[in-house]
C-alpha atoms as a PDB file:
ATOM      1  CA  UNK A   1     -80.795  17.721   6.715  1.00  0.00           C
ATOM      2  CA  UNK A   2     -82.365  21.118   7.142  1.00  0.00           C
ATOM      3  CA  UNK A   3     -80.188  24.038   6.152  1.00  0.00           C
ATOM      4  CA  UNK A   4     -81.072  26.350   9.037  1.00  0.00           C
ATOM      5  CA  UNK A   5     -83.141  27.089  12.079  1.00  0.00           C
ATOM      6  CA  UNK A   6     -83.802  24.791  14.982  1.00  0.00           C
ATOM      7  CA  UNK A   7     -84.395  21.828  12.689  1.00  0.00           C
ATOM      8  CA  UNK A   8     -80.967  22.237  11.130  1.00  0.00           C
ATOM      9  CA  UNK A   9     -79.402  22.666  14.559  1.00  0.00           C
ATOM     10  CA  UNK A  10     -81.082  19.501  15.799  1.00  0.00           C
ATOM     11  CA  UNK A  11     -79.806  17.541  12.806  1.00  0.00           C
ATOM     12  CA  UNK A  12     -76.280  18.948  13.152  1.00  0.00           C
ATOM     13  CA  UNK A  13     -76.187  18.139  16.853  1.00  0.00           C
ATOM     14  CA  UNK A  14     -77.204  14.504  16.405  1.00  0.00           C
ATOM     15  CA  UNK A  15     -74.819  14.148  13.477  1.00  0.00           C
ATOM     16  CA  UNK A  16     -72.119  15.384  15.848  1.00  0.00           C
ATOM     17  CA  UNK A  17     -73.166  12.883  18.504  1.00  0.00           C
ATOM     18  CA  UNK A  18     -72.829  10.078  15.982  1.00  0.00           C
ATOM     19  CA  UNK A  19     -69.400  11.299  14.898  1.00  0.00           C
ATOM     20  CA  UNK A  20     -68.295  11.549  18.511  1.00  0.00           C
ATOM     21  CA  UNK A  21     -69.383   7.946  19.148  1.00  0.00           C
ATOM     22  CA  UNK A  22     -67.269   6.944  16.161  1.00  0.00           C
ATOM     23  CA  UNK A  23     -64.291   8.843  17.681  1.00  0.00           C
ATOM     24  CA  UNK A  24     -64.320  11.242  14.730  1.00  0.00           C
ATOM     25  CA  UNK A  25     -63.812  14.282  16.944  1.00  0.00           C
ATOM     26  CA  UNK A  26     -62.924  16.654  14.104  1.00  0.00           C
ATOM     27  CA  UNK A  27     -66.243  16.072  12.371  1.00  0.00           C
ATOM     28  CA  UNK A  28     -68.088  16.130  15.694  1.00  0.00           C
ATOM     29  CA  UNK A  29     -66.587  19.540  16.472  1.00  0.00           C
ATOM     30  CA  UNK A  30     -67.749  20.937  13.144  1.00  0.00           C
ATOM     31  CA  UNK A  31     -71.271  19.607  13.658  1.00  0.00           C
ATOM     32  CA  UNK A  32     -71.567  20.836  17.264  1.00  0.00           C
ATOM     33  CA  UNK A  33     -70.305  24.269  16.212  1.00  0.00           C
ATOM     34  CA  UNK A  34     -72.955  24.332  13.496  1.00  0.00           C
ATOM     35  CA  UNK A  35     -75.659  23.414  15.994  1.00  0.00           C
ATOM     36  CA  UNK A  36     -74.576  26.253  18.302  1.00  0.00           C
ATOM     37  CA  UNK A  37     -74.448  28.673  15.363  1.00  0.00           C
ATOM     38  CA  UNK A  38     -78.018  27.809  14.350  1.00  0.00           C
ATOM     39  CA  UNK A  39     -79.482  27.658  17.863  1.00  0.00           C
ATOM     40  CA  UNK A  40     -77.300  29.295  20.493  1.00  0.00           C
ATOM     41  CA  UNK A  41     -80.136  29.186  23.047  1.00  0.00           C
ATOM     42  CA  UNK A  42     -80.034  25.415  23.409  1.00  0.00           C
ATOM     43  CA  UNK A  43     -78.025  24.443  26.521  1.00  0.00           C
ATOM     44  CA  UNK A  44     -77.465  20.885  25.281  1.00  0.00           C
ATOM     45  CA  UNK A  45     -75.601  22.131  22.208  1.00  0.00           C
ATOM     46  CA  UNK A  46     -73.397  24.495  24.205  1.00  0.00           C
ATOM     47  CA  UNK A  47     -72.622  21.816  26.790  1.00  0.00           C
ATOM     48  CA  UNK A  48     -71.710  19.201  24.169  1.00  0.00           C
ATOM     49  CA  UNK A  49     -69.524  21.663  22.262  1.00  0.00           C
ATOM     50  CA  UNK A  50     -67.762  22.713  25.471  1.00  0.00           C
ATOM     51  CA  UNK A  51     -67.082  19.178  26.651  1.00  0.00           C
ATOM     52  CA  UNK A  52     -65.709  18.104  23.275  1.00  0.00           C
ATOM     53  CA  UNK A  53     -63.492  21.190  23.034  1.00  0.00           C
ATOM     54  CA  UNK A  54     -62.066  20.351  26.441  1.00  0.00           C
ATOM     55  CA  UNK A  55     -61.536  16.720  25.428  1.00  0.00           C
ATOM     56  CA  UNK A  56     -59.491  18.002  22.483  1.00  0.00           C
ATOM     57  CA  UNK A  57     -57.474  20.312  24.780  1.00  0.00           C
ATOM     58  CA  UNK A  58     -59.038  23.415  23.205  1.00  0.00           C
ATOM     59  CA  UNK A  59     -59.408  24.976  26.640  1.00  0.00           C
ATOM     60  CA  UNK A  60     -60.048  28.548  25.514  1.00  0.00           C
ATOM     61  CA  UNK A  61     -62.840  27.426  23.230  1.00  0.00           C
ATOM     62  CA  UNK A  62     -64.288  25.219  25.967  1.00  0.00           C
ATOM     63  CA  UNK A  63     -64.261  28.171  28.352  1.00  0.00           C
ATOM     64  CA  UNK A  64     -66.112  30.341  25.838  1.00  0.00           C
ATOM     65  CA  UNK A  65     -68.784  27.666  25.343  1.00  0.00           C
ATOM     66  CA  UNK A  66     -69.341  27.113  29.053  1.00  0.00           C
ATOM     67  CA  UNK A  67     -69.470  30.849  29.773  1.00  0.00           C
ATOM     68  CA  UNK A  68     -72.174  31.147  27.128  1.00  0.00           C
ATOM     69  CA  UNK A  69     -74.024  28.247  28.783  1.00  0.00           C
ATOM     70  CA  UNK A  70     -73.743  29.869  32.227  1.00  0.00           C
ATOM     71  CA  UNK A  71     -75.106  33.193  30.928  1.00  0.00           C
ATOM     72  CA  UNK A  72     -77.954  31.424  29.162  1.00  0.00           C
ATOM     73  CA  UNK A  73     -79.025  29.590  32.323  1.00  0.00           C
ATOM     74  CA  UNK A  74     -78.499  32.653  34.532  1.00  0.00           C
ATOM     75  CA  UNK A  75     -80.940  34.635  32.378  1.00  0.00           C
ATOM     76  CA  UNK A  76     -83.697  32.303  33.566  1.00  0.00           C
ATOM     77  CA  UNK A  77     -83.526  34.232  36.819  1.00  0.00           C
ATOM     78  CA  UNK A  78     -83.419  31.368  39.298  1.00  0.00           C
ATOM     79  CA  UNK A  79     -80.757  29.395  41.071  1.00  0.00           C
ATOM     80  CA  UNK A  80     -80.665  25.776  39.917  1.00  0.00           C
ATOM     81  CA  UNK A  81     -78.458  22.710  39.963  1.00  0.00           C
ATOM     82  CA  UNK A  82     -77.929  23.037  36.209  1.00  0.00           C
ATOM     83  CA  UNK A  83     -76.729  26.619  36.629  1.00  0.00           C
ATOM     84  CA  UNK A  84     -74.390  25.581  39.441  1.00  0.00           C
ATOM     85  CA  UNK A  85     -72.993  22.751  37.293  1.00  0.00           C
ATOM     86  CA  UNK A  86     -72.491  25.179  34.396  1.00  0.00           C
ATOM     87  CA  UNK A  87     -70.520  27.466  36.723  1.00  0.00           C
ATOM     88  CA  UNK A  88     -68.450  24.491  37.783  1.00  0.00           C
ATOM     89  CA  UNK A  89     -67.673  23.768  34.126  1.00  0.00           C
ATOM     90  CA  UNK A  90     -66.645  27.403  33.650  1.00  0.00           C
ATOM     91  CA  UNK A  91     -64.381  27.091  36.678  1.00  0.00           C
ATOM     92  CA  UNK A  92     -62.760  23.860  35.500  1.00  0.00           C
ATOM     93  CA  UNK A  93     -62.220  25.179  31.975  1.00  0.00           C
ATOM     94  CA  UNK A  94     -60.804  28.430  33.339  1.00  0.00           C
ATOM     95  CA  UNK A  95     -58.376  26.451  35.506  1.00  0.00           C
ATOM     96  CA  UNK A  96     -57.242  24.381  32.503  1.00  0.00           C
ATOM     97  CA  UNK A  97     -56.761  27.600  30.546  1.00  0.00           C
ATOM     98  CA  UNK A  98     -54.637  29.025  33.354  1.00  0.00           C
ATOM     99  CA  UNK A  99     -57.204  31.558  34.605  1.00  0.00           C
ATOM    100  CA  UNK A 100     -56.947  30.540  38.267  1.00  0.00           C
ATOM    101  CA  UNK A 101     -58.623  33.588  39.826  1.00  0.00           C
ATOM    102  CA  UNK A 102     -61.609  33.217  37.524  1.00  0.00           C
ATOM    103  CA  UNK A 103     -61.748  29.505  38.320  1.00  0.00           C
ATOM    104  CA  UNK A 104     -61.697  30.186  42.061  1.00  0.00           C
ATOM    105  CA  UNK A 105     -64.549  32.706  41.794  1.00  0.00           C
ATOM    106  CA  UNK A 106     -66.766  30.375  39.792  1.00  0.00           C
ATOM    107  CA  UNK A 107     -66.079  27.414  42.072  1.00  0.00           C
ATOM    108  CA  UNK A 108     -67.232  29.505  45.027  1.00  0.00           C
ATOM    109  CA  UNK A 109     -70.461  30.415  43.203  1.00  0.00           C
ATOM    110  CA  UNK A 110     -71.104  26.843  42.114  1.00  0.00           C
ATOM    111  CA  UNK A 111     -70.411  25.289  45.511  1.00  0.00           C
ATOM    112  CA  UNK A 112     -72.461  27.892  47.392  1.00  0.00           C
ATOM    113  CA  UNK A 113     -75.476  27.096  45.194  1.00  0.00           C
ATOM    114  CA  UNK A 114     -75.017  23.326  45.362  1.00  0.00           C
ATOM    115  CA  UNK A 115     -74.751  23.418  49.154  1.00  0.00           C
ATOM    116  CA  UNK A 116     -78.130  25.184  49.342  1.00  0.00           C
ATOM    117  CA  UNK A 117     -79.827  23.122  46.639  1.00  0.00           C
ATOM    118  CA  UNK A 118     -78.610  19.556  47.236  1.00  0.00           C
ATOM    119  CA  UNK A 119     -76.507  19.651  50.407  1.00  0.00           C
ATOM    120  CA  UNK A 120     -72.803  19.632  51.120  1.00  0.00           C
ATOM    121  CA  UNK A 121     -72.502  15.825  50.896  1.00  0.00           C
ATOM    122  CA  UNK A 122     -74.045  15.426  47.443  1.00  0.00           C
ATOM    123  CA  UNK A 123     -71.917  13.769  44.698  1.00  0.00           C
ATOM    124  CA  UNK A 124     -71.975  17.012  42.698  1.00  0.00           C
ATOM    125  CA  UNK A 125     -70.152  18.616  45.624  1.00  0.00           C
ATOM    126  CA  UNK A 126     -67.690  15.731  45.603  1.00  0.00           C
ATOM    127  CA  UNK A 127     -66.855  16.521  41.988  1.00  0.00           C
ATOM    128  CA  UNK A 128     -66.375  20.178  42.926  1.00  0.00           C
ATOM    129  CA  UNK A 129     -63.951  19.344  45.719  1.00  0.00           C
ATOM    130  CA  UNK A 130     -62.031  16.997  43.404  1.00  0.00           C
ATOM    131  CA  UNK A 131     -61.662  19.726  40.799  1.00  0.00           C
ATOM    132  CA  UNK A 132     -60.600  22.242  43.460  1.00  0.00           C
ATOM    133  CA  UNK A 133     -57.874  19.795  44.448  1.00  0.00           C
ATOM    134  CA  UNK A 134     -56.783  19.573  40.819  1.00  0.00           C
ATOM    135  CA  UNK A 135     -56.722  23.375  40.633  1.00  0.00           C
ATOM    136  CA  UNK A 136     -54.545  23.645  43.720  1.00  0.00           C
ATOM    137  CA  UNK A 137     -52.189  20.949  42.505  1.00  0.00           C
ATOM    138  CA  UNK A 138     -51.872  22.544  39.060  1.00  0.00           C
ATOM    139  CA  UNK A 139     -50.563  25.684  40.785  1.00  0.00           C
ATOM    140  CA  UNK A 140     -47.989  23.682  42.739  1.00  0.00           C
ATOM    141  CA  UNK A 141     -49.960  24.069  45.974  1.00  0.00           C
ATOM    142  CA  UNK A 142     -49.577  20.409  46.877  1.00  0.00           C
ATOM    143  CA  UNK A 143     -50.285  20.631  50.585  1.00  0.00           C
ATOM    144  CA  UNK A 144     -53.384  22.785  49.957  1.00  0.00           C
ATOM    145  CA  UNK A 145     -54.670  20.180  47.484  1.00  0.00           C
ATOM    146  CA  UNK A 146     -54.718  17.448  50.113  1.00  0.00           C
ATOM    147  CA  UNK A 147     -57.845  18.644  51.976  1.00  0.00           C
ATOM    148  CA  UNK A 148     -60.068  19.034  48.865  1.00  0.00           C
ATOM    149  CA  UNK A 149     -59.104  15.523  47.747  1.00  0.00           C
ATOM    150  CA  UNK A 150     -59.980  14.157  51.193  1.00  0.00           C
ATOM    151  CA  UNK A 151     -63.376  15.858  51.116  1.00  0.00           C
ATOM    152  CA  UNK A 152     -64.045  14.583  47.610  1.00  0.00           C
ATOM    153  CA  UNK A 153     -63.065  11.061  48.652  1.00  0.00           C
ATOM    154  CA  UNK A 154     -65.342  11.116  51.709  1.00  0.00           C
ATOM    155  CA  UNK A 155     -68.324  12.198  49.591  1.00  0.00           C
ATOM    156  CA  UNK A 156     -67.746   9.945  46.582  1.00  0.00           C
ATOM    157  CA  UNK A 157     -67.059   6.976  48.851  1.00  0.00           C
ATOM    158  CA  UNK A 158     -70.762   6.951  49.674  1.00  0.00           C
ATOM    159  CA  UNK A 159     -71.967   7.705  46.156  1.00  0.00           C
ATOM    160  CA  UNK A 160     -70.868   4.391  44.646  1.00  0.00           C
ATOM    161  CA  UNK A 161     -69.433   5.929  41.464  1.00  0.00           C
ATOM    162  CA  UNK A 162     -66.308   3.830  40.978  1.00  0.00           C
ATOM    163  CA  UNK A 163     -65.119   5.754  37.921  1.00  0.00           C
ATOM    164  CA  UNK A 164     -64.870   9.102  39.710  1.00  0.00           C
ATOM    165  CA  UNK A 165     -63.763   7.432  42.937  1.00  0.00           C
ATOM    166  CA  UNK A 166     -60.867   5.770  41.082  1.00  0.00           C
ATOM    167  CA  UNK A 167     -59.729   9.128  39.699  1.00  0.00           C
ATOM    168  CA  UNK A 168     -59.788  10.683  43.173  1.00  0.00           C
ATOM    169  CA  UNK A 169     -57.916   7.753  44.735  1.00  0.00           C
ATOM    170  CA  UNK A 170     -55.287   7.933  42.008  1.00  0.00           C
ATOM    171  CA  UNK A 171     -54.695  11.685  42.313  1.00  0.00           C
ATOM    172  CA  UNK A 172     -54.745  11.613  46.117  1.00  0.00           C
ATOM    173  CA  UNK A 173     -52.277   8.715  46.268  1.00  0.00           C
ATOM    174  CA  UNK A 174     -49.918  10.390  43.812  1.00  0.00           C
ATOM    175  CA  UNK A 175     -50.104  13.594  45.845  1.00  0.00           C
ATOM    176  CA  UNK A 176     -49.183  11.736  49.043  1.00  0.00           C
ATOM    177  CA  UNK A 177     -46.188  10.172  47.300  1.00  0.00           C
ATOM    178  CA  UNK A 178     -45.170  13.591  45.976  1.00  0.00           C
ATOM    179  CA  UNK A 179     -45.245  14.850  49.574  1.00  0.00           C
ATOM    180  CA  UNK A 180     -43.264  11.795  50.766  1.00  0.00           C
ATOM    181  CA  UNK A 181     -46.334  10.348  52.451  1.00  0.00           C
ATOM    182  CA  UNK A 182     -46.027   6.818  51.084  1.00  0.00           C
ATOM    183  CA  UNK A 183     -47.631   5.292  54.191  1.00  0.00           C
ATOM    184  CA  UNK A 184     -50.790   7.320  53.499  1.00  0.00           C
ATOM    185  CA  UNK A 185     -50.662   6.497  49.793  1.00  0.00           C
ATOM    186  CA  UNK A 186     -50.598   2.702  50.249  1.00  0.00           C
ATOM    187  CA  UNK A 187     -54.233   2.146  51.372  1.00  0.00           C
ATOM    188  CA  UNK A 188     -55.441   4.501  48.630  1.00  0.00           C
ATOM    189  CA  UNK A 189     -53.464   2.617  45.979  1.00  0.00           C
ATOM    190  CA  UNK A 190     -54.709  -0.742  47.235  1.00  0.00           C
ATOM    191  CA  UNK A 191     -58.315   0.465  47.033  1.00  0.00           C
ATOM    192  CA  UNK A 192     -57.649   1.805  43.541  1.00  0.00           C
ATOM    193  CA  UNK A 193     -56.164  -1.536  42.536  1.00  0.00           C
ATOM    194  CA  UNK A 194     -59.253  -3.382  43.752  1.00  0.00           C
ATOM    195  CA  UNK A 195     -61.545  -1.124  41.708  1.00  0.00           C
ATOM    196  CA  UNK A 196     -59.427  -1.487  38.578  1.00  0.00           C
ATOM    197  CA  UNK A 197     -59.159  -5.275  38.878  1.00  0.00           C
ATOM    198  CA  UNK A 198     -62.928  -5.611  39.350  1.00  0.00           C
ATOM    199  CA  UNK A 199     -63.668  -3.505  36.286  1.00  0.00           C
ATOM    200  CA  UNK A 200     -65.692  -5.255  33.537  1.00  0.00           C
ATOM    201  CA  UNK A 201     -62.806  -4.578  31.152  1.00  0.00           C
ATOM    202  CA  UNK A 202     -59.635  -4.330  33.269  1.00  0.00           C
ATOM    203  CA  UNK A 203     -56.905  -2.042  31.917  1.00  0.00           C
ATOM    204  CA  UNK A 204     -53.867  -4.277  32.385  1.00  0.00           C
ATOM    205  CA  UNK A 205     -51.375  -1.529  31.542  1.00  0.00           C
ATOM    206  CA  UNK A 206     -52.943   0.708  34.198  1.00  0.00           C
ATOM    207  CA  UNK A 207     -52.997  -2.135  36.718  1.00  0.00           C
ATOM    208  CA  UNK A 208     -49.269  -2.727  36.180  1.00  0.00           C
ATOM    209  CA  UNK A 209     -48.584   0.926  37.007  1.00  0.00           C
ATOM    210  CA  UNK A 210     -50.557   0.605  40.249  1.00  0.00           C
ATOM    211  CA  UNK A 211     -48.747  -2.604  41.229  1.00  0.00           C
ATOM    212  CA  UNK A 212     -45.431  -0.838  40.672  1.00  0.00           C
ATOM    213  CA  UNK A 213     -46.540   2.230  42.639  1.00  0.00           C
ATOM    214  CA  UNK A 214     -47.658   0.111  45.605  1.00  0.00           C
ATOM    215  CA  UNK A 215     -44.421  -1.836  45.433  1.00  0.00           C
ATOM    216  CA  UNK A 216     -42.419   1.394  45.426  1.00  0.00           C
ATOM    217  CA  UNK A 217     -44.436   2.830  48.341  1.00  0.00           C
ATOM    218  CA  UNK A 218     -43.884  -0.292  50.462  1.00  0.00           C
ATOM    219  CA  UNK A 219     -40.185  -0.267  49.554  1.00  0.00           C
ATOM    220  CA  UNK A 220     -39.785   3.336  50.690  1.00  0.00           C
ATOM    221  CA  UNK A 221     -41.583   2.450  53.928  1.00  0.00           C
ATOM    222  CA  UNK A 222     -39.066  -0.350  54.485  1.00  0.00           C
ATOM    223  CA  UNK A 223     -41.658  -3.120  54.135  1.00  0.00           C
ATOM    224  CA  UNK A 224     -39.700  -5.233  51.698  1.00  0.00           C
ATOM    225  CA  UNK A 225     -41.776  -8.415  51.832  1.00  0.00           C
ATOM    226  CA  UNK A 226     -44.946  -6.521  50.879  1.00  0.00           C
ATOM    227  CA  UNK A 227     -43.022  -4.605  48.220  1.00  0.00           C
ATOM    228  CA  UNK A 228     -41.712  -7.834  46.698  1.00  0.00           C
ATOM    229  CA  UNK A 229     -45.228  -9.274  46.576  1.00  0.00           C
ATOM    230  CA  UNK A 230     -46.534  -6.359  44.515  1.00  0.00           C
ATOM    231  CA  UNK A 231     -43.519  -6.231  42.211  1.00  0.00           C
ATOM    232  CA  UNK A 232     -44.010  -9.943  41.489  1.00  0.00           C
ATOM    233  CA  UNK A 233     -47.664  -9.300  40.675  1.00  0.00           C
ATOM    234  CA  UNK A 234     -46.561  -6.495  38.358  1.00  0.00           C
ATOM    235  CA  UNK A 235     -44.113  -8.946  36.791  1.00  0.00           C
ATOM    236  CA  UNK A 236     -46.789 -11.578  36.157  1.00  0.00           C
ATOM    237  CA  UNK A 237     -49.199  -9.134  34.520  1.00  0.00           C
ATOM    238  CA  UNK A 238     -46.415  -7.508  32.465  1.00  0.00           C
ATOM    239  CA  UNK A 239     -45.308 -10.893  31.140  1.00  0.00           C
ATOM    240  CA  UNK A 240     -48.908 -11.678  30.239  1.00  0.00           C
ATOM    241  CA  UNK A 241     -49.416  -8.358  28.491  1.00  0.00           C
ATOM    242  CA  UNK A 242     -45.993  -7.722  26.934  1.00  0.00           C
ATOM    243  CA  UNK A 243     -44.319 -11.107  26.779  1.00  0.00           C
ATOM    244  CA  UNK A 244     -41.470 -12.582  28.834  1.00  0.00           C
ATOM    245  CA  UNK A 245     -38.694 -10.724  27.008  1.00  0.00           C
ATOM    246  CA  UNK A 246     -40.052  -7.179  27.011  1.00  0.00           C
ATOM    247  CA  UNK A 247     -37.776  -4.449  28.475  1.00  0.00           C
ATOM    248  CA  UNK A 248     -40.488  -3.645  31.055  1.00  0.00           C
ATOM    249  CA  UNK A 249     -40.030  -7.163  32.410  1.00  0.00           C
ATOM    250  CA  UNK A 250     -36.296  -6.532  32.707  1.00  0.00           C
ATOM    251  CA  UNK A 251     -36.977  -3.313  34.640  1.00  0.00           C
ATOM    252  CA  UNK A 252     -39.100  -5.180  37.170  1.00  0.00           C
ATOM    253  CA  UNK A 253     -36.355  -7.801  37.563  1.00  0.00           C
ATOM    254  CA  UNK A 254     -34.018  -4.935  38.423  1.00  0.00           C
ATOM    255  CA  UNK A 255     -36.410  -3.635  41.093  1.00  0.00           C
ATOM    256  CA  UNK A 256     -36.697  -7.120  42.566  1.00  0.00           C
ATOM    257  CA  UNK A 257     -32.907  -7.395  42.583  1.00  0.00           C
ATOM    258  CA  UNK A 258     -32.634  -4.150  44.571  1.00  0.00           C
ATOM    259  CA  UNK A 259     -35.173  -5.440  47.073  1.00  0.00           C
ATOM    260  CA  UNK A 260     -33.279  -8.675  47.522  1.00  0.00           C
ATOM    261  CA  UNK A 261     -30.042  -6.781  48.062  1.00  0.00           C
ATOM    262  CA  UNK A 262     -31.712  -4.749  50.823  1.00  0.00           C
ATOM    263  CA  UNK A 263     -32.794  -8.024  52.429  1.00  0.00           C
ATOM    264  CA  UNK A 264     -29.295  -9.495  52.045  1.00  0.00           C
ATOM    265  CA  UNK A 265     -30.586 -12.126  49.603  1.00  0.00           C
ATOM    266  CA  UNK A 266     -27.538 -11.684  47.427  1.00  0.00           C
ATOM    267  CA  UNK A 267     -27.829 -14.941  45.464  1.00  0.00           C
ATOM    268  CA  UNK A 268     -31.440 -14.189  44.475  1.00  0.00           C
ATOM    269  CA  UNK A 269     -30.525 -10.591  43.639  1.00  0.00           C
ATOM    270  CA  UNK A 270     -27.786 -11.888  41.343  1.00  0.00           C
ATOM    271  CA  UNK A 271     -30.288 -14.132  39.529  1.00  0.00           C
ATOM    272  CA  UNK A 272     -32.702 -11.247  38.980  1.00  0.00           C
ATOM    273  CA  UNK A 273     -29.914  -9.014  37.662  1.00  0.00           C
ATOM    274  CA  UNK A 274     -28.765 -11.740  35.293  1.00  0.00           C
ATOM    275  CA  UNK A 275     -32.321 -12.216  33.973  1.00  0.00           C
ATOM    276  CA  UNK A 276     -32.648  -8.459  33.465  1.00  0.00           C
ATOM    277  CA  UNK A 277     -29.302  -8.300  31.645  1.00  0.00           C
ATOM    278  CA  UNK A 278     -30.302 -11.194  29.397  1.00  0.00           C
ATOM    279  CA  UNK A 279     -33.503  -9.424  28.364  1.00  0.00           C
ATOM    280  CA  UNK A 280     -31.773  -6.116  27.654  1.00  0.00           C
ATOM    281  CA  UNK A 281     -29.030  -7.893  25.683  1.00  0.00           C
ATOM    282  CA  UNK A 282     -31.659  -9.748  23.645  1.00  0.00           C
ATOM    283  CA  UNK A 283     -33.500  -6.505  22.865  1.00  0.00           C
ATOM    284  CA  UNK A 284     -30.248  -4.810  21.864  1.00  0.00           C
ATOM    285  CA  UNK A 285     -29.317  -7.663  19.526  1.00  0.00           C
ATOM    286  CA  UNK A 286     -32.782  -7.593  17.928  1.00  0.00           C
ATOM    287  CA  UNK A 287     -32.489  -3.845  17.355  1.00  0.00           C
ATOM    288  CA  UNK A 288     -29.033  -4.236  15.808  1.00  0.00           C
ATOM    289  CA  UNK A 289     -30.282  -7.039  13.582  1.00  0.00           C
ATOM    290  CA  UNK A 290     -33.223  -4.931  12.450  1.00  0.00           C
ATOM    291  CA  UNK A 291     -30.917  -1.981  11.734  1.00  0.00           C
ATOM    292  CA  UNK A 292     -28.627  -4.252   9.709  1.00  0.00           C
ATOM    293  CA  UNK A 293     -31.566  -5.562   7.722  1.00  0.00           C
ATOM    294  CA  UNK A 294     -32.676  -2.042   6.860  1.00  0.00           C
ATOM    295  CA  UNK A 295     -29.249  -1.394   5.370  1.00  0.00           C
ATOM    296  CA  UNK A 296     -30.048  -3.861   2.607  1.00  0.00           C
ATOM    297  CA  UNK A 297     -27.706  -6.190   0.788  1.00  0.00           C
ATOM    298  CA  UNK A 298     -24.312  -5.407  -0.722  1.00  0.00           C
ATOM    299  CA  UNK A 299     -23.941  -3.665  -4.023  1.00  0.00           C
ATOM    300  CA  UNK A 300     -22.269  -6.036  -6.481  1.00  0.00           C
ATOM    301  CA  UNK A 301     -20.682  -5.125  -9.825  1.00  0.00           C
END
């Protein structure tokens, strides 16, 4: 590896990429920082260092890196998509760091440029609107966050990027439930569920959470049959993932019992409560047995 100059920066950067792929983020940070130190005029190095800093919740450092990237691109003297995206990264990092006024100013710059360069319905604009929604929500401005999420959803719906679309659906649905808009949240959650289930590598733990959220939303809306259906699906996946005697299974039995009570199915509710109690009792006994085993045997003289 070269000790300095652009050759050394190139080597450090690719060493960092390799470390990042191996999930060795500490080493990757050191290597990206070295690349920036040796060649601070390379936008790829600044961008990689900024993104990794943000991934590690080093928001101040990420903001510094993205501001350096924005200044570097701005010195080229022309408006470009890359410059607009850099400003968006500054805005997002500033928001995460709690600098909301700075974030707002940079979002306006980024979105003004993107509208002129690629149009207001481009996926890059969808990402901007999504992040604006996150910014509003982070400040407790829940009702103001609703419109940006809707705009982001409308744009990304056409883009075909399921990963970003899933994030928007999730945040928008949670926001509706926070605002007691469960009826609006249900179709969003069901779309999110479909995306997650069709994923090449489905996240079963995440899918269980969605099943439970849909079940809760239907319950609050008074649609108990639909709620029961989703809670039972959550139950099946939880048993598959955690086993039949996991406390999470007992919690779902309790939810099903409450639903049955609301529907005056008292005998079924009693069965669910008994199954939940049996699981919790079993877990408690296992914990007590484990604690007794840790105490060791008796001391004999």
